[in-house]
Amino acid sequence: MEEVQSQQVRWSSPNIGHIAGDLAAATISASLVTPAVAIIDRSLVEQAAFKQSILCGLRRHAIGALRQPSLFIFQRPFGIVWALYVATYSVANVTDTIGRKLEIAAARTITFATTMLANVPLALWKDIRFAKEYGTGRGPDAKIAIANISSPVPIHNKSMALAAAAVFLVRDGVTIFGSFTLAPWLSDAIPDHLAAHPHVKPIITQLTVPVLTQLVATPLHLLALDMYTRQYRVPWLDRIKHSQRYVLSSTLLRGVRIIPAFGVGCLTNMELRSVFHAKFSR
């Protein structure tokens, strides 16, 4: 009984403000990283499906965003990616705040689990929407991307689509674990003589560990895209060879993509949380 009362005391006044700060930090951070992530993800899908030059796709979508920013912001790709990262950052922030306030021993494990529960279905939804609209030739503005192919990619195998979704799930688990669990843990493990300032350690790990996870996540991502865009029987060895044609360039680009999404985005989110928490603690 005394323990319950002490937890209620710890969960008093400024904590609602802390949660509001968590949500504000998540929204601002997601808005900051969404443009780059949306452009890169769409370009990767078009490269994997149509052998389109990745630089061509990046240039075309970036120029379109700069010329018509309002149209770009209110298009479906932006909204899908924005919703994904707002939800991911918000759940991670709020879970971490509650865990710390209640002094839960397994707070980091719980934060990882809840972040996975929020991120994985939304990331899967995002990937399937992108693959369907920009990787099959059936999307609303797919004509430019498929100008050099004769017909849309056939879509007819539900079991293959489900298998692709499962591979996407594994890929997301690797990325989330590296970004929200492994990076903070390695930050605490960095010796003080290598990085004495407390802010340097999380910057180092948050900008490197999520990027390194793409060495594992990118081959899975390419395989899942191939399984979704070519939903017909293909020998597995041929499918793997076909899907990994662009593994080097895709790994580099997804590493760059991770920097805003789980590097800069997470760092911005952490700094804004600190500011908002300090403000509401006064």
C-alpha atoms as a PDB file:
ATOM      1  CA  MET A   1       0.000   0.000   0.000  1.00  0.00           C
ATOM      2  CA  GLU A   2       2.786   2.402   0.893  1.00  0.00           C
ATOM      3  CA  GLU A   3       4.533   1.563  -2.384  1.00  0.00           C
ATOM      4  CA  VAL A   4       1.389   2.418  -4.372  1.00  0.00           C
ATOM      5  CA  GLN A   5       1.037   5.722  -2.521  1.00  0.00           C
ATOM      6  CA  SER A   6       4.698   6.586  -3.145  1.00  0.00           C
ATOM      7  CA  GLN A   7       4.236   5.900  -6.863  1.00  0.00           C
ATOM      8  CA  GLN A   8       1.192   8.184  -6.906  1.00  0.00           C
ATOM      9  CA  VAL A   9       3.277  10.921  -5.281  1.00  0.00           C
ATOM     10  CA  ARG A  10       6.034  10.481  -7.851  1.00  0.00           C
ATOM     11  CA  TRP A  11       3.375  10.726 -10.565  1.00  0.00           C
ATOM     12  CA  SER A  12       2.197  14.155  -9.434  1.00  0.00           C
ATOM     13  CA  SER A  13       1.932  17.565 -11.090  1.00  0.00           C
ATOM     14  CA  PRO A  14       4.824  18.141 -13.535  1.00  0.00           C
ATOM     15  CA  ASN A  15       4.524  14.693 -15.106  1.00  0.00           C
ATOM     16  CA  ILE A  16       1.520  15.544 -17.269  1.00  0.00           C
ATOM     17  CA  GLY A  17       3.592  18.436 -18.579  1.00  0.00           C
ATOM     18  CA  HIS A  18       6.437  16.027 -19.265  1.00  0.00           C
ATOM     19  CA  ILE A  19       4.145  13.848 -21.364  1.00  0.00           C
ATOM     20  CA  ALA A  20       2.932  16.914 -23.256  1.00  0.00           C
ATOM     21  CA  GLY A  21       6.580  17.772 -23.877  1.00  0.00           C
ATOM     22  CA  ASP A  22       7.187  14.210 -25.080  1.00  0.00           C
ATOM     23  CA  LEU A  23       4.395  14.532 -27.642  1.00  0.00           C
ATOM     24  CA  ALA A  24       5.552  17.983 -28.766  1.00  0.00           C
ATOM     25  CA  ALA A  25       9.141  16.783 -29.176  1.00  0.00           C
ATOM     26  CA  ALA A  26       7.943  13.777 -31.185  1.00  0.00           C
ATOM     27  CA  THR A  27       5.831  15.927 -33.505  1.00  0.00           C
ATOM     28  CA  ILE A  28       8.580  18.461 -34.185  1.00  0.00           C
ATOM     29  CA  SER A  29      11.232  15.776 -34.722  1.00  0.00           C
ATOM     30  CA  ALA A  30       9.019  13.764 -37.080  1.00  0.00           C
ATOM     31  CA  SER A  31       8.211  16.872 -39.115  1.00  0.00           C
ATOM     32  CA  LEU A  32      11.925  17.599 -39.424  1.00  0.00           C
ATOM     33  CA  VAL A  33      12.949  14.180 -40.773  1.00  0.00           C
ATOM     34  CA  THR A  34       9.919  13.238 -42.884  1.00  0.00           C
ATOM     35  CA  PRO A  35      10.841  15.052 -46.153  1.00  0.00           C
ATOM     36  CA  ALA A  36      14.207  13.313 -46.541  1.00  0.00           C
ATOM     37  CA  VAL A  37      12.860   9.900 -45.532  1.00  0.00           C
ATOM     38  CA  ALA A  38       9.851  10.100 -47.882  1.00  0.00           C
ATOM     39  CA  ILE A  39      12.036  11.029 -50.871  1.00  0.00           C
ATOM     40  CA  ILE A  40      14.643   8.339 -50.169  1.00  0.00           C
ATOM     41  CA  ASP A  41      12.097   5.561 -49.513  1.00  0.00           C
ATOM     42  CA  ARG A  42      10.194   6.266 -52.716  1.00  0.00           C
ATOM     43  CA  SER A  43      13.413   6.358 -54.745  1.00  0.00           C
ATOM     44  CA  LEU A  44      14.545   3.032 -53.262  1.00  0.00           C
ATOM     45  CA  VAL A  45      11.267   1.350 -54.194  1.00  0.00           C
ATOM     46  CA  GLU A  46      11.446   2.636 -57.767  1.00  0.00           C
ATOM     47  CA  GLN A  47      15.077   1.536 -58.092  1.00  0.00           C
ATOM     48  CA  ALA A  48      14.344  -1.994 -56.873  1.00  0.00           C
ATOM     49  CA  ALA A  49      11.210  -2.401 -59.015  1.00  0.00           C
ATOM     50  CA  PHE A  50      12.118  -0.636 -62.262  1.00  0.00           C
ATOM     51  CA  LYS A  51      15.942  -0.482 -62.264  1.00  0.00           C
ATOM     52  CA  GLN A  52      15.601   3.287 -62.161  1.00  0.00           C
ATOM     53  CA  SER A  53      18.764   5.203 -61.287  1.00  0.00           C
ATOM     54  CA  ILE A  54      18.641   6.066 -57.598  1.00  0.00           C
ATOM     55  CA  LEU A  55      20.171   9.480 -58.271  1.00  0.00           C
ATOM     56  CA  CYS A  56      17.551  10.144 -60.930  1.00  0.00           C
ATOM     57  CA  GLY A  57      14.763   9.332 -58.500  1.00  0.00           C
ATOM     58  CA  LEU A  58      16.257  11.389 -55.690  1.00  0.00           C
ATOM     59  CA  ARG A  59      16.771  14.381 -57.966  1.00  0.00           C
ATOM     60  CA  ARG A  60      13.272  14.205 -59.460  1.00  0.00           C
ATOM     61  CA  HIS A  61      11.465  13.939 -56.126  1.00  0.00           C
ATOM     62  CA  ALA A  62      13.671  16.524 -54.390  1.00  0.00           C
ATOM     63  CA  ILE A  63      13.130  19.059 -57.182  1.00  0.00           C
ATOM     64  CA  GLY A  64       9.401  18.384 -57.073  1.00  0.00           C
ATOM     65  CA  ALA A  65       9.355  18.975 -53.305  1.00  0.00           C
ATOM     66  CA  LEU A  66      11.270  22.264 -53.654  1.00  0.00           C
ATOM     67  CA  ARG A  67       9.142  23.555 -56.525  1.00  0.00           C
ATOM     68  CA  GLN A  68       5.803  22.631 -54.958  1.00  0.00           C
ATOM     69  CA  PRO A  69       6.373  22.244 -51.207  1.00  0.00           C
ATOM     70  CA  SER A  70       2.699  22.487 -50.275  1.00  0.00           C
ATOM     71  CA  LEU A  71       1.784  19.768 -52.771  1.00  0.00           C
ATOM     72  CA  PHE A  72       4.638  17.577 -51.492  1.00  0.00           C
ATOM     73  CA  ILE A  73       3.603  17.987 -47.845  1.00  0.00           C
ATOM     74  CA  PHE A  74      -0.030  17.101 -48.515  1.00  0.00           C
ATOM     75  CA  GLN A  75       0.735  14.108 -50.736  1.00  0.00           C
ATOM     76  CA  ARG A  76       0.248  10.589 -49.412  1.00  0.00           C
ATOM     77  CA  PRO A  77       3.973   9.648 -49.059  1.00  0.00           C
ATOM     78  CA  PHE A  78       4.640  12.563 -46.706  1.00  0.00           C
ATOM     79  CA  GLY A  79       1.578  11.819 -44.575  1.00  0.00           C
ATOM     80  CA  ILE A  80       2.391   8.115 -44.289  1.00  0.00           C
ATOM     81  CA  VAL A  81       6.004   8.694 -43.227  1.00  0.00           C
ATOM     82  CA  TRP A  82       5.049  11.536 -40.860  1.00  0.00           C
ATOM     83  CA  ALA A  83       2.439   9.397 -39.103  1.00  0.00           C
ATOM     84  CA  LEU A  84       4.974   6.583 -38.730  1.00  0.00           C
ATOM     85  CA  TYR A  85       7.612   8.718 -36.999  1.00  0.00           C
ATOM     86  CA  VAL A  86       5.219  10.758 -34.869  1.00  0.00           C
ATOM     87  CA  ALA A  87       3.830   7.501 -33.479  1.00  0.00           C
ATOM     88  CA  THR A  88       7.271   5.912 -33.016  1.00  0.00           C
ATOM     89  CA  TYR A  89       8.832   8.884 -31.222  1.00  0.00           C
ATOM     90  CA  SER A  90       5.699   9.537 -29.151  1.00  0.00           C
ATOM     91  CA  VAL A  91       5.412   5.973 -27.851  1.00  0.00           C
ATOM     92  CA  ALA A  92       9.147   5.771 -27.117  1.00  0.00           C
ATOM     93  CA  ASN A  93       9.070   9.101 -25.269  1.00  0.00           C
ATOM     94  CA  VAL A  94       5.954   8.511 -23.197  1.00  0.00           C
ATOM     95  CA  THR A  95       6.927   4.943 -22.281  1.00  0.00           C
ATOM     96  CA  ASP A  96      10.387   6.074 -21.204  1.00  0.00           C
ATOM     97  CA  THR A  97       8.948   8.919 -19.108  1.00  0.00           C
ATOM     98  CA  ILE A  98       6.461   6.666 -17.343  1.00  0.00           C
ATOM     99  CA  GLY A  99       9.091   3.989 -16.752  1.00  0.00           C
ATOM    100  CA  ARG A 100      11.518   6.484 -15.211  1.00  0.00           C
ATOM    101  CA  LYS A 101       8.889   8.164 -13.047  1.00  0.00           C
ATOM    102  CA  LEU A 102       7.667   4.844 -11.689  1.00  0.00           C
ATOM    103  CA  GLU A 103      11.274   3.583 -11.387  1.00  0.00           C
ATOM    104  CA  ILE A 104      10.534   0.391 -13.287  1.00  0.00           C
ATOM    105  CA  ALA A 105      13.619  -1.830 -13.412  1.00  0.00           C
ATOM    106  CA  ALA A 106      12.943  -3.090 -16.952  1.00  0.00           C
ATOM    107  CA  ALA A 107      12.093   0.368 -18.318  1.00  0.00           C
ATOM    108  CA  ARG A 108      14.386   0.076 -21.355  1.00  0.00           C
ATOM    109  CA  THR A 109      13.039  -3.340 -22.286  1.00  0.00           C
ATOM    110  CA  ILE A 110       9.471  -2.085 -21.982  1.00  0.00           C
ATOM    111  CA  THR A 111      10.339   0.995 -24.071  1.00  0.00           C
ATOM    112  CA  PHE A 112      11.785  -1.232 -26.797  1.00  0.00           C
ATOM    113  CA  ALA A 113       8.732  -3.511 -26.767  1.00  0.00           C
ATOM    114  CA  THR A 114       6.157  -0.703 -26.914  1.00  0.00           C
ATOM    115  CA  THR A 115       8.130   1.159 -29.582  1.00  0.00           C
ATOM    116  CA  MET A 116       8.210  -2.027 -31.657  1.00  0.00           C
ATOM    117  CA  LEU A 117       4.447  -2.442 -31.221  1.00  0.00           C
ATOM    118  CA  ALA A 118       3.909   1.096 -32.498  1.00  0.00           C
ATOM    119  CA  ASN A 119       6.562   1.178 -35.213  1.00  0.00           C
ATOM    120  CA  VAL A 120       6.293  -2.255 -36.805  1.00  0.00           C
ATOM    121  CA  PRO A 121       2.657  -2.255 -38.003  1.00  0.00           C
ATOM    122  CA  LEU A 122       2.935   1.354 -39.194  1.00  0.00           C
ATOM    123  CA  ALA A 123       6.269   0.708 -40.927  1.00  0.00           C
ATOM    124  CA  LEU A 124       4.775  -2.383 -42.550  1.00  0.00           C
ATOM    125  CA  TRP A 125       1.766  -0.346 -43.680  1.00  0.00           C
ATOM    126  CA  LYS A 126       4.139   2.299 -45.062  1.00  0.00           C
ATOM    127  CA  ASP A 127       6.287  -0.213 -46.935  1.00  0.00           C
ATOM    128  CA  ILE A 128       3.314  -2.019 -48.462  1.00  0.00           C
ATOM    129  CA  ARG A 129       1.717   1.273 -49.535  1.00  0.00           C
ATOM    130  CA  PHE A 130       4.979   2.461 -51.097  1.00  0.00           C
ATOM    131  CA  ALA A 131       5.586  -0.904 -52.802  1.00  0.00           C
ATOM    132  CA  LYS A 132       2.016  -1.039 -54.110  1.00  0.00           C
ATOM    133  CA  GLU A 133       1.886   2.533 -55.370  1.00  0.00           C
ATOM    134  CA  TYR A 134       5.465   3.058 -56.535  1.00  0.00           C
ATOM    135  CA  GLY A 135       6.774  -0.460 -57.163  1.00  0.00           C
ATOM    136  CA  THR A 136       4.009  -2.138 -59.167  1.00  0.00           C
ATOM    137  CA  GLY A 137       3.127   0.418 -61.816  1.00  0.00           C
ATOM    138  CA  ARG A 138      -0.384   0.801 -60.385  1.00  0.00           C
ATOM    139  CA  GLY A 139       0.060   3.958 -58.321  1.00  0.00           C
ATOM    140  CA  PRO A 140      -1.575   7.332 -59.101  1.00  0.00           C
ATOM    141  CA  ASP A 141       1.588   8.846 -60.599  1.00  0.00           C
ATOM    142  CA  ALA A 142       3.508   5.753 -61.645  1.00  0.00           C
ATOM    143  CA  LYS A 143       3.728   6.660 -65.352  1.00  0.00           C
ATOM    144  CA  ILE A 144       7.005   8.529 -64.957  1.00  0.00           C
ATOM    145  CA  ALA A 145       8.652   5.739 -62.999  1.00  0.00           C
ATOM    146  CA  ILE A 146       7.596   2.959 -65.414  1.00  0.00           C
ATOM    147  CA  ALA A 147       8.157   4.793 -68.684  1.00  0.00           C
ATOM    148  CA  ASN A 148      10.673   2.175 -69.758  1.00  0.00           C
ATOM    149  CA  ILE A 149       8.703  -0.996 -68.980  1.00  0.00           C
ATOM    150  CA  SER A 150       5.958  -2.548 -71.076  1.00  0.00           C
ATOM    151  CA  SER A 151       3.413  -3.569 -68.419  1.00  0.00           C
ATOM    152  CA  PRO A 152       2.758  -3.342 -64.681  1.00  0.00           C
ATOM    153  CA  VAL A 153       4.185  -6.017 -62.394  1.00  0.00           C
ATOM    154  CA  PRO A 154       1.629  -8.815 -61.814  1.00  0.00           C
ATOM    155  CA  ILE A 155       0.177  -8.966 -58.295  1.00  0.00           C
ATOM    156  CA  HIS A 156      -1.641 -12.215 -57.471  1.00  0.00           C
ATOM    157  CA  ASN A 157       0.088 -14.253 -54.764  1.00  0.00           C
ATOM    158  CA  LYS A 158      -1.237 -13.477 -51.275  1.00  0.00           C
ATOM    159  CA  SER A 159       1.080 -15.954 -49.552  1.00  0.00           C
ATOM    160  CA  MET A 160       4.108 -14.245 -51.099  1.00  0.00           C
ATOM    161  CA  ALA A 161       2.786 -10.858 -49.972  1.00  0.00           C
ATOM    162  CA  LEU A 162       2.438 -12.197 -46.414  1.00  0.00           C
ATOM    163  CA  ALA A 163       5.953 -13.612 -46.534  1.00  0.00           C
ATOM    164  CA  ALA A 164       7.238 -10.215 -47.688  1.00  0.00           C
ATOM    165  CA  ALA A 165       5.446  -8.610 -44.734  1.00  0.00           C
ATOM    166  CA  ALA A 166       7.176 -11.041 -42.362  1.00  0.00           C
ATOM    167  CA  VAL A 167      10.602 -10.117 -43.763  1.00  0.00           C
ATOM    168  CA  PHE A 168       9.732  -6.427 -43.362  1.00  0.00           C
ATOM    169  CA  LEU A 169       8.908  -7.155 -39.704  1.00  0.00           C
ATOM    170  CA  VAL A 170      12.318  -8.716 -39.073  1.00  0.00           C
ATOM    171  CA  ARG A 171      14.003  -5.748 -40.750  1.00  0.00           C
ATOM    172  CA  ASP A 172      12.108  -3.325 -38.526  1.00  0.00           C
ATOM    173  CA  GLY A 173      13.047  -5.288 -35.414  1.00  0.00           C
ATOM    174  CA  VAL A 174      16.734  -4.964 -36.294  1.00  0.00           C
ATOM    175  CA  THR A 175      16.441  -1.196 -36.864  1.00  0.00           C
ATOM    176  CA  ILE A 176      14.344  -0.456 -33.771  1.00  0.00           C
ATOM    177  CA  PHE A 177      16.563  -2.544 -31.511  1.00  0.00           C
ATOM    178  CA  GLY A 178      19.693  -0.763 -32.777  1.00  0.00           C
ATOM    179  CA  SER A 179      18.143   2.704 -32.527  1.00  0.00           C
ATOM    180  CA  PHE A 180      16.220   2.658 -29.250  1.00  0.00           C
ATOM    181  CA  THR A 181      17.933  -0.062 -27.196  1.00  0.00           C
ATOM    182  CA  LEU A 182      21.439  -0.842 -28.416  1.00  0.00           C
ATOM    183  CA  ALA A 183      22.479   2.781 -29.064  1.00  0.00           C
ATOM    184  CA  PRO A 184      21.597   4.041 -25.525  1.00  0.00           C
ATOM    185  CA  TRP A 185      23.168   0.936 -23.973  1.00  0.00           C
ATOM    186  CA  LEU A 186      26.429   1.437 -25.891  1.00  0.00           C
ATOM    187  CA  SER A 187      26.327   5.121 -24.970  1.00  0.00           C
ATOM    188  CA  ASP A 188      26.508   4.201 -21.289  1.00  0.00           C
ATOM    189  CA  ALA A 189      29.367   1.780 -22.047  1.00  0.00           C
ATOM    190  CA  ILE A 190      31.662   4.417 -23.632  1.00  0.00           C
ATOM    191  CA  PRO A 191      34.525   5.176 -21.206  1.00  0.00           C
ATOM    192  CA  ASP A 192      34.750   8.728 -19.868  1.00  0.00           C
ATOM    193  CA  HIS A 193      38.294   9.172 -21.180  1.00  0.00           C
ATOM    194  CA  LEU A 194      36.973   8.752 -24.752  1.00  0.00           C
ATOM    195  CA  ALA A 195      34.018  11.111 -24.333  1.00  0.00           C
ATOM    196  CA  ALA A 196      33.952  13.043 -21.085  1.00  0.00           C
ATOM    197  CA  HIS A 197      30.986  15.312 -21.886  1.00  0.00           C
ATOM    198  CA  PRO A 198      27.655  13.559 -21.204  1.00  0.00           C
ATOM    199  CA  HIS A 199      26.109  14.827 -24.469  1.00  0.00           C
ATOM    200  CA  VAL A 200      28.905  13.450 -26.650  1.00  0.00           C
ATOM    201  CA  LYS A 201      28.274   9.788 -25.851  1.00  0.00           C
ATOM    202  CA  PRO A 202      24.657   9.596 -27.098  1.00  0.00           C
ATOM    203  CA  ILE A 203      25.569  11.652 -30.172  1.00  0.00           C
ATOM    204  CA  ILE A 204      28.302   9.166 -31.094  1.00  0.00           C
ATOM    205  CA  THR A 205      26.158   6.074 -30.688  1.00  0.00           C
ATOM    206  CA  GLN A 206      22.940   7.550 -32.095  1.00  0.00           C
ATOM    207  CA  LEU A 207      24.704   8.607 -35.295  1.00  0.00           C
ATOM    208  CA  THR A 208      26.591   5.331 -35.790  1.00  0.00           C
ATOM    209  CA  VAL A 209      24.722   2.336 -34.356  1.00  0.00           C
ATOM    210  CA  PRO A 210      21.450   2.785 -36.317  1.00  0.00           C
ATOM    211  CA  VAL A 211      23.478   3.237 -39.512  1.00  0.00           C
ATOM    212  CA  LEU A 212      25.430   0.033 -38.876  1.00  0.00           C
ATOM    213  CA  THR A 213      22.195  -1.925 -38.412  1.00  0.00           C
ATOM    214  CA  GLN A 214      21.541  -1.354 -42.118  1.00  0.00           C
ATOM    215  CA  LEU A 215      24.253  -3.881 -42.939  1.00  0.00           C
ATOM    216  CA  VAL A 216      21.690  -6.450 -41.784  1.00  0.00           C
ATOM    217  CA  ALA A 217      18.440  -4.592 -42.453  1.00  0.00           C
ATOM    218  CA  THR A 218      19.056  -3.556 -46.079  1.00  0.00           C
ATOM    219  CA  PRO A 219      19.426  -7.075 -47.569  1.00  0.00           C
ATOM    220  CA  LEU A 220      16.197  -7.991 -45.774  1.00  0.00           C
ATOM    221  CA  HIS A 221      14.517  -4.837 -47.100  1.00  0.00           C
ATOM    222  CA  LEU A 222      15.528  -5.587 -50.695  1.00  0.00           C
ATOM    223  CA  LEU A 223      14.392  -9.197 -50.435  1.00  0.00           C
ATOM    224  CA  ALA A 224      10.995  -8.153 -49.062  1.00  0.00           C
ATOM    225  CA  LEU A 225      10.544  -5.571 -51.834  1.00  0.00           C
ATOM    226  CA  ASP A 226      11.339  -8.196 -54.455  1.00  0.00           C
ATOM    227  CA  MET A 227       8.900 -10.645 -52.870  1.00  0.00           C
ATOM    228  CA  TYR A 228       6.140  -8.021 -52.918  1.00  0.00           C
ATOM    229  CA  THR A 229       6.733  -6.633 -56.419  1.00  0.00           C
ATOM    230  CA  ARG A 230       7.324 -10.076 -58.012  1.00  0.00           C
ATOM    231  CA  GLN A 231       4.559 -12.164 -56.490  1.00  0.00           C
ATOM    232  CA  TYR A 232       5.081 -15.198 -58.671  1.00  0.00           C
ATOM    233  CA  ARG A 233       7.144 -18.355 -58.387  1.00  0.00           C
ATOM    234  CA  VAL A 234      10.865 -17.688 -58.706  1.00  0.00           C
ATOM    235  CA  PRO A 235      13.688 -20.001 -57.539  1.00  0.00           C
ATOM    236  CA  TRP A 236      14.917 -18.649 -54.209  1.00  0.00           C
ATOM    237  CA  LEU A 237      18.522 -18.432 -55.354  1.00  0.00           C
ATOM    238  CA  ASP A 238      17.458 -16.347 -58.357  1.00  0.00           C
ATOM    239  CA  ARG A 239      15.235 -14.181 -56.165  1.00  0.00           C
ATOM    240  CA  ILE A 240      18.069 -13.501 -53.738  1.00  0.00           C
ATOM    241  CA  LYS A 241      20.503 -12.697 -56.559  1.00  0.00           C
ATOM    242  CA  HIS A 242      17.943 -10.421 -58.213  1.00  0.00           C
ATOM    243  CA  SER A 243      16.997  -8.606 -55.003  1.00  0.00           C
ATOM    244  CA  GLN A 244      20.607  -8.011 -53.947  1.00  0.00           C
ATOM    245  CA  ARG A 245      21.752  -6.376 -57.205  1.00  0.00           C
ATOM    246  CA  TYR A 246      21.718  -2.953 -55.586  1.00  0.00           C
ATOM    247  CA  VAL A 247      22.678  -4.037 -52.087  1.00  0.00           C
ATOM    248  CA  LEU A 248      25.773  -1.810 -51.886  1.00  0.00           C
ATOM    249  CA  SER A 249      24.159   1.408 -53.125  1.00  0.00           C
ATOM    250  CA  SER A 250      20.964   0.647 -51.198  1.00  0.00           C
ATOM    251  CA  THR A 251      22.873  -0.002 -47.968  1.00  0.00           C
ATOM    252  CA  LEU A 252      24.715   3.299 -48.353  1.00  0.00           C
ATOM    253  CA  LEU A 253      21.493   5.155 -49.101  1.00  0.00           C
ATOM    254  CA  ARG A 254      19.539   3.499 -46.286  1.00  0.00           C
ATOM    255  CA  GLY A 255      22.433   4.330 -43.982  1.00  0.00           C
ATOM    256  CA  VAL A 256      22.062   7.956 -45.055  1.00  0.00           C
ATOM    257  CA  ARG A 257      18.293   7.646 -44.608  1.00  0.00           C
ATOM    258  CA  ILE A 258      18.710   6.312 -41.067  1.00  0.00           C
ATOM    259  CA  ILE A 259      20.755   9.380 -40.065  1.00  0.00           C
ATOM    260  CA  PRO A 260      17.746  11.737 -40.241  1.00  0.00           C
ATOM    261  CA  ALA A 261      15.185   9.136 -39.132  1.00  0.00           C
ATOM    262  CA  PHE A 262      16.951   7.525 -36.172  1.00  0.00           C
ATOM    263  CA  GLY A 263      20.075   9.670 -35.857  1.00  0.00           C
ATOM    264  CA  VAL A 264      19.262  13.367 -36.191  1.00  0.00           C
ATOM    265  CA  GLY A 265      15.599  12.675 -35.470  1.00  0.00           C
ATOM    266  CA  CYS A 266      16.326  10.806 -32.239  1.00  0.00           C
ATOM    267  CA  LEU A 267      18.908  13.366 -31.127  1.00  0.00           C
ATOM    268  CA  THR A 268      16.512  16.252 -31.834  1.00  0.00           C
ATOM    269  CA  ASN A 269      13.801  14.361 -30.018  1.00  0.00           C
ATOM    270  CA  MET A 270      16.041  13.776 -26.970  1.00  0.00           C
ATOM    271  CA  GLU A 271      17.180  17.403 -26.812  1.00  0.00           C
ATOM    272  CA  LEU A 272      13.659  18.765 -27.162  1.00  0.00           C
ATOM    273  CA  ARG A 273      12.450  16.375 -24.481  1.00  0.00           C
ATOM    274  CA  SER A 274      15.151  17.656 -22.127  1.00  0.00           C
ATOM    275  CA  VAL A 275      14.141  21.257 -22.814  1.00  0.00           C
ATOM    276  CA  PHE A 276      10.437  20.607 -22.336  1.00  0.00           C
ATOM    277  CA  HIS A 277      10.965  18.467 -19.225  1.00  0.00           C
ATOM    278  CA  ALA A 278      13.152  21.165 -17.664  1.00  0.00           C
ATOM    279  CA  LYS A 279      10.523  23.785 -18.455  1.00  0.00           C
ATOM    280  CA  PHE A 280       7.686  21.816 -16.870  1.00  0.00           C
ATOM    281  CA  SER A 281       9.800  20.910 -13.819  1.00  0.00           C
ATOM    282  CA  ARG A 282      10.108  24.528 -12.726  1.00  0.00           C
END
